[in-house]
Protein backbone atom coordinates (compact mmCIF):
# COMPACT_ATOMS: atom_id res chain seq x y z
CA UNK A 1 155.75 13.36 -140.01
CA UNK A 2 153.64 15.14 -137.47
CA UNK A 3 154.48 17.22 -134.41
CA UNK A 4 157.78 19.07 -134.01
CA UNK A 5 160.27 17.54 -136.35
CA UNK A 6 163.27 18.98 -134.56
CA UNK A 7 162.32 17.75 -131.14
CA UNK A 8 163.35 14.37 -129.98
CA UNK A 9 161.97 12.77 -126.78
CA UNK A 10 164.55 12.00 -124.17
CA UNK A 11 165.20 8.34 -123.33
CA UNK A 12 163.00 7.01 -120.57
CA UNK A 13 160.39 9.87 -120.87
CA UNK A 14 157.62 7.27 -119.98
CA UNK A 15 158.97 6.22 -116.63
CA UNK A 16 157.29 9.02 -114.45
CA UNK A 17 153.96 8.14 -116.16
CA UNK A 18 154.55 4.48 -115.08
CA UNK A 19 154.88 5.38 -111.59
CA UNK A 20 151.80 7.63 -111.52
CA UNK A 21 149.79 4.75 -113.19
CA UNK A 22 151.08 2.24 -110.65
CA UNK A 23 149.98 4.45 -107.68
CA UNK A 24 146.71 4.92 -109.37
CA UNK A 25 146.16 1.20 -109.52
CA UNK A 26 147.07 0.94 -105.89
CA UNK A 27 144.66 3.64 -104.91
CA UNK A 28 141.80 2.18 -106.90
CA UNK A 29 142.41 -1.34 -105.26
CA UNK A 30 142.59 0.19 -101.86
CA UNK A 31 139.45 2.08 -102.40
CA UNK A 32 137.65 -1.06 -103.59
CA UNK A 33 138.80 -3.09 -100.54
CA UNK A 34 137.76 -0.22 -98.28
CA UNK A 35 134.32 -0.03 -99.80
CA UNK A 36 133.81 -3.75 -99.34
CA UNK A 37 135.30 -3.81 -95.86
CA UNK A 38 132.87 -1.14 -94.72
CA UNK A 39 129.69 -2.23 -96.40
CA UNK A 40 129.61 -5.96 -95.67
CA UNK A 41 128.97 -8.19 -92.78
CA UNK A 42 131.13 -7.18 -89.79
CA UNK A 43 131.56 -10.75 -88.58
CA UNK A 44 130.67 -9.79 -85.06
CA UNK A 45 128.27 -12.15 -83.30
CA UNK A 46 128.07 -9.94 -80.17
CA UNK A 47 127.84 -6.38 -79.58
CA UNK A 48 129.31 -6.63 -76.00
CA UNK A 49 132.72 -8.38 -76.48
CA UNK A 50 134.34 -6.55 -73.63
CA UNK A 51 131.73 -7.72 -71.18
CA UNK A 52 131.63 -11.18 -72.49
CA UNK A 53 135.51 -11.25 -72.26
CA UNK A 54 135.33 -10.37 -68.53
CA UNK A 55 133.06 -13.36 -67.99
CA UNK A 56 135.45 -15.77 -69.86
CA UNK A 57 136.40 -17.81 -66.82
CA UNK A 58 132.89 -18.31 -65.90
CA UNK A 59 132.01 -19.59 -69.44
CA UNK A 60 135.14 -22.00 -69.13
CA UNK A 61 133.77 -23.33 -65.84
CA UNK A 62 130.09 -23.76 -67.49
CA UNK A 63 131.66 -25.66 -70.35
CA UNK A 64 133.62 -27.97 -68.11
CA UNK A 65 130.41 -28.75 -66.15
CA UNK A 66 128.57 -29.41 -69.43
CA UNK A 67 131.35 -31.74 -70.66
CA UNK A 68 131.17 -33.71 -67.31
CA UNK A 69 127.48 -34.41 -67.99
CA UNK A 70 128.45 -36.27 -71.06
CA UNK A 71 125.29 -35.77 -72.93
CA UNK A 72 125.10 -36.82 -76.63
CA UNK A 73 123.01 -34.95 -79.04
CA UNK A 74 121.57 -35.68 -82.42
CA UNK A 75 120.12 -32.63 -84.08
CA UNK A 76 118.23 -32.37 -87.40
CA UNK A 77 116.30 -29.77 -89.25
CA UNK A 78 113.93 -31.27 -91.78
CA UNK A 79 112.39 -28.94 -94.29
CA UNK A 80 108.73 -29.99 -95.14
CA UNK A 81 108.53 -27.64 -98.05
CA UNK A 82 107.45 -24.11 -99.11
CA UNK A 83 104.33 -22.41 -97.62
CA UNK A 84 103.29 -21.57 -101.24
CA UNK A 85 104.88 -22.05 -104.64
CA UNK A 86 106.03 -18.53 -104.96
CA UNK A 87 106.63 -18.09 -101.11
CA UNK A 88 110.36 -18.04 -99.82
CA UNK A 89 109.08 -19.15 -96.40
CA UNK A 90 109.71 -22.72 -95.44
CA UNK A 91 108.03 -24.99 -92.89
CA UNK A 92 110.59 -26.99 -91.04
CA UNK A 93 110.83 -29.48 -88.06
CA UNK A 94 113.70 -29.12 -85.55
CA UNK A 95 114.39 -32.47 -84.00
CA UNK A 96 116.78 -33.14 -81.13
CA UNK A 97 117.50 -36.52 -79.54
CA UNK A 98 119.52 -36.54 -76.29
CA UNK A 99 121.29 -39.33 -74.46
CA UNK A 100 123.38 -39.59 -71.44
CA UNK A 101 127.01 -41.08 -71.54
CA UNK A 102 125.50 -44.57 -70.93
CA UNK A 103 123.32 -44.10 -73.95
CA UNK A 104 120.02 -43.83 -71.97
CA UNK A 105 117.41 -41.46 -73.47
CA UNK A 106 117.23 -38.14 -71.63
CA UNK A 107 113.53 -37.49 -70.68
CA UNK A 108 112.30 -34.63 -68.74
CA UNK A 109 114.43 -31.92 -70.38
CA UNK A 110 113.25 -28.40 -70.65
CA UNK A 111 114.63 -27.63 -74.19
CA UNK A 112 114.50 -24.36 -75.94
CA UNK A 113 116.07 -23.29 -79.21
CA UNK A 114 117.00 -19.80 -80.46
CA UNK A 115 116.92 -19.79 -84.26
CA UNK A 116 118.98 -17.18 -86.03
CA UNK A 117 119.96 -16.22 -89.54
CA UNK A 118 123.75 -15.80 -89.47
CA UNK A 119 123.94 -13.06 -92.15
CA UNK A 120 120.53 -11.19 -91.53
CA UNK A 121 119.36 -9.69 -88.24
CA UNK A 122 115.63 -9.52 -87.66
CA UNK A 123 114.63 -13.05 -88.52
CA UNK A 124 115.21 -14.65 -85.20
CA UNK A 125 112.77 -16.71 -83.25
CA UNK A 126 112.76 -18.57 -80.06
CA UNK A 127 110.92 -21.82 -79.69
CA UNK A 128 110.36 -24.50 -77.06
CA UNK A 129 110.72 -28.23 -78.18
CA UNK A 130 108.15 -30.73 -77.02
CA UNK A 131 109.04 -34.30 -76.06
CA UNK A 132 107.86 -36.81 -78.71
CA UNK A 133 109.34 -39.88 -77.44
CA UNK A 134 112.12 -41.41 -75.36
CA UNK A 135 114.79 -38.62 -75.29
CA UNK A 136 113.39 -37.07 -78.56
CA UNK A 137 112.16 -33.44 -78.78
CA UNK A 138 110.74 -31.52 -81.79
CA UNK A 139 109.08 -28.48 -82.85
CA UNK A 140 107.76 -27.21 -86.29
CA UNK A 141 108.82 -23.69 -87.25
CA UNK A 142 108.11 -21.38 -90.01
CA UNK A 143 111.40 -19.98 -91.43
CA UNK A 144 111.26 -16.83 -93.37
CA UNK A 145 113.85 -17.86 -96.02
CA UNK A 146 115.66 -20.99 -97.09
CA UNK A 147 119.36 -21.41 -96.38
CA UNK A 148 121.74 -21.56 -93.36
CA UNK A 149 120.33 -20.98 -89.72
CA UNK A 150 122.22 -21.06 -86.50
CA UNK A 151 120.36 -22.94 -83.79
CA UNK A 152 121.34 -22.44 -80.14
CA UNK A 153 119.77 -25.00 -77.91
CA UNK A 154 119.47 -24.77 -74.12
CA UNK A 155 118.45 -27.84 -72.24
CA UNK A 156 117.79 -27.89 -68.62
CA UNK A 157 116.93 -30.86 -66.11
CA UNK A 158 117.23 -29.84 -62.47
CA UNK A 159 120.36 -27.95 -61.75
CA UNK A 160 122.00 -29.39 -65.03
CA UNK A 161 122.26 -26.99 -67.95
CA UNK A 162 123.54 -27.91 -71.54
CA UNK A 163 124.15 -25.41 -74.29
CA UNK A 164 124.55 -26.47 -77.83
CA UNK A 165 125.03 -24.54 -81.18
CA UNK A 166 124.51 -26.11 -84.59
CA UNK A 167 124.31 -24.51 -87.93
CA UNK A 168 121.53 -26.18 -89.98
CA UNK A 169 120.30 -25.64 -93.63
CA UNK A 170 116.88 -25.71 -95.26
CA UNK A 171 116.36 -26.00 -98.91
């Protein structure tokens, strides 16, 4: 026998410790969630949400005008491989094919693309696609890293403007 032989613990003596332990677990879980919530990607794709919200009706009108054009797009990003064996940069070709609602190739477009890394700022680039055939446009780019890229296309012909966003991937 050890301790004080004449002292008996009261029934349920461990219950207050259980509550303290449970609250400790909740505090640790909340602290962990708070850490990850404040140190990871915010999810914001714009820094001026309020200003863009004010222009919402203008954007709706632009989208309706764009849909009325009926342009059909085929977009592809073809990786032609690494620049060097240990280099993370990839040479890739961005190819876009455009047709009108009747299926006729759209020639004479002024086509630009903004290429952005969705999770990493500072790797963006803007390029102009050159015509390579009937309704076909392409450009070769050097991407700093393999993986996913958001490509925002802006095509103009006369007064018509068409904007298109695609998420593309390189190996």
